[in-house]
């Protein structure tokens, strides 16, 4: 693994989000209920920014436009383009389901580290 130190832990309090750049990748960091997650900043469906995505009770992040939902831990698709009704499903057929890339995170020495090469 190749870990990159991205920010101090106090820069990402519970409930906050922040986009960091590692190489050519924009990574969305989220502190959800005290756990830090790192996911791709763009939805794999239509390349929409995920920073304003809702977090569901079952631990998914939802794209703010077409409402595709992805598991925060694994990136797996929980729901693919359900919005807008009818049109969203047709748009989903045009683009195959793709997981949201997620990255390993560790919190150590008051810093957040990400491995983008896993």
Protein backbone atom coordinates (compact mmCIF):
# COMPACT_ATOMS: atom_id res chain seq x y z
CA UNK A 1 0.00 0.00 0.00
CA UNK A 2 1.07 3.54 -0.70
CA UNK A 3 -0.42 5.89 1.90
CA UNK A 4 -0.74 9.62 1.37
CA UNK A 5 -1.30 12.02 4.25
CA UNK A 6 -4.13 14.33 3.17
CA UNK A 7 -5.37 16.46 6.10
CA UNK A 8 -5.32 16.75 9.88
CA UNK A 9 -8.20 14.98 11.63
CA UNK A 10 -9.46 18.25 13.13
CA UNK A 11 -10.08 19.55 9.58
CA UNK A 12 -12.84 16.94 9.15
CA UNK A 13 -15.14 16.92 12.19
CA UNK A 14 -18.11 14.54 12.35
CA UNK A 15 -20.68 15.37 9.68
CA UNK A 16 -18.21 17.28 7.48
CA UNK A 17 -16.95 16.63 3.95
CA UNK A 18 -13.92 17.82 2.08
CA UNK A 19 -12.50 17.23 -1.39
CA UNK A 20 -8.77 16.53 -1.56
CA UNK A 21 -6.59 16.07 -4.60
CA UNK A 22 -4.08 13.23 -4.82
CA UNK A 23 -2.23 13.22 -8.10
CA UNK A 24 -4.91 13.61 -10.77
CA UNK A 25 -7.71 12.27 -8.55
CA UNK A 26 -10.28 14.28 -6.61
CA UNK A 27 -11.26 12.31 -3.53
CA UNK A 28 -14.27 13.10 -1.34
CA UNK A 29 -13.55 12.62 2.35
CA UNK A 30 -16.57 12.20 4.63
CA UNK A 31 -16.72 11.92 8.38
CA UNK A 32 -20.00 10.09 8.87
CA UNK A 33 -20.89 9.28 12.48
CA UNK A 34 -17.22 9.40 13.48
CA UNK A 35 -15.99 7.12 10.70
CA UNK A 36 -13.91 8.56 7.86
CA UNK A 37 -14.58 7.42 4.29
CA UNK A 38 -12.79 8.25 1.03
CA UNK A 39 -14.71 7.92 -2.24
CA UNK A 40 -14.40 9.24 -5.77
CA UNK A 41 -15.73 12.79 -5.96
CA UNK A 42 -17.66 12.08 -9.18
CA UNK A 43 -20.62 9.75 -9.67
CA UNK A 44 -19.72 6.95 -12.13
CA UNK A 45 -23.05 7.40 -13.95
CA UNK A 46 -22.88 10.99 -15.25
CA UNK A 47 -19.74 12.40 -13.59
CA UNK A 48 -21.73 14.55 -11.12
CA UNK A 49 -19.94 15.90 -8.03
CA UNK A 50 -20.83 13.83 -4.96
CA UNK A 51 -20.02 16.39 -2.24
CA UNK A 52 -23.71 17.24 -1.76
CA UNK A 53 -24.86 13.61 -1.87
CA UNK A 54 -27.20 12.55 0.93
CA UNK A 55 -26.03 9.84 3.33
CA UNK A 56 -28.71 7.23 4.00
CA UNK A 57 -29.42 5.39 7.25
CA UNK A 58 -27.97 2.20 5.77
CA UNK A 59 -24.62 3.83 4.95
CA UNK A 60 -24.95 4.81 1.30
CA UNK A 61 -24.12 8.05 -0.46
CA UNK A 62 -26.74 9.16 -2.97
CA UNK A 63 -25.91 11.13 -6.11
CA UNK A 64 -27.68 14.50 -5.86
CA UNK A 65 -28.94 14.42 -9.48
CA UNK A 66 -30.13 10.96 -10.54
CA UNK A 67 -30.11 9.47 -7.01
CA UNK A 68 -27.90 6.48 -7.69
CA UNK A 69 -26.87 5.11 -4.28
CA UNK A 70 -23.49 3.59 -3.41
CA UNK A 71 -22.32 1.80 -0.28
CA UNK A 72 -19.79 4.03 1.52
CA UNK A 73 -17.63 1.09 2.58
CA UNK A 74 -17.53 -0.92 -0.65
CA UNK A 75 -18.72 1.46 -3.37
CA UNK A 76 -21.18 -1.19 -4.58
CA UNK A 77 -24.37 0.01 -6.26
CA UNK A 78 -27.42 -0.06 -4.00
CA UNK A 79 -29.67 1.69 -6.52
CA UNK A 80 -28.96 2.80 -10.09
CA UNK A 81 -30.50 5.99 -11.55
CA UNK A 82 -34.02 5.86 -10.09
CA UNK A 83 -34.67 9.56 -10.79
CA UNK A 84 -36.50 11.13 -12.51
CA UNK A 85 -39.18 8.43 -12.68
CA UNK A 86 -39.25 6.52 -16.00
CA UNK A 87 -36.57 8.75 -17.56
CA UNK A 88 -34.05 7.80 -14.88
CA UNK A 89 -34.52 4.09 -15.57
CA UNK A 90 -34.03 4.70 -19.30
CA UNK A 91 -30.87 6.70 -18.57
CA UNK A 92 -29.70 3.84 -16.38
CA UNK A 93 -30.06 1.45 -19.31
CA UNK A 94 -27.78 3.66 -21.42
CA UNK A 95 -25.00 3.49 -18.84
CA UNK A 96 -24.22 0.15 -17.16
CA UNK A 97 -24.10 -0.01 -13.38
CA UNK A 98 -20.65 0.94 -12.11
CA UNK A 99 -19.47 1.00 -8.51
CA UNK A 100 -18.26 4.22 -6.92
CA UNK A 101 -14.51 3.92 -6.36
CA UNK A 102 -13.64 3.83 -2.65
CA UNK A 103 -10.20 4.10 -1.09
CA UNK A 104 -8.71 2.69 2.10
CA UNK A 105 -8.46 5.23 4.92
CA UNK A 106 -6.50 5.23 8.12
CA UNK A 107 -6.45 7.77 10.91
CA UNK A 108 -3.08 7.96 12.62
CA UNK A 109 -1.08 10.61 14.48
CA UNK A 110 -3.96 13.12 14.20
CA UNK A 111 -3.90 12.82 10.41
CA UNK A 112 -6.05 11.19 7.74
CA UNK A 113 -4.23 8.99 5.25
CA UNK A 114 -5.58 7.53 1.98
CA UNK A 115 -4.25 4.79 -0.26
CA UNK A 116 -5.31 5.53 -3.84
CA UNK A 117 -3.25 2.69 -5.33
CA UNK A 118 -5.14 -0.25 -3.81
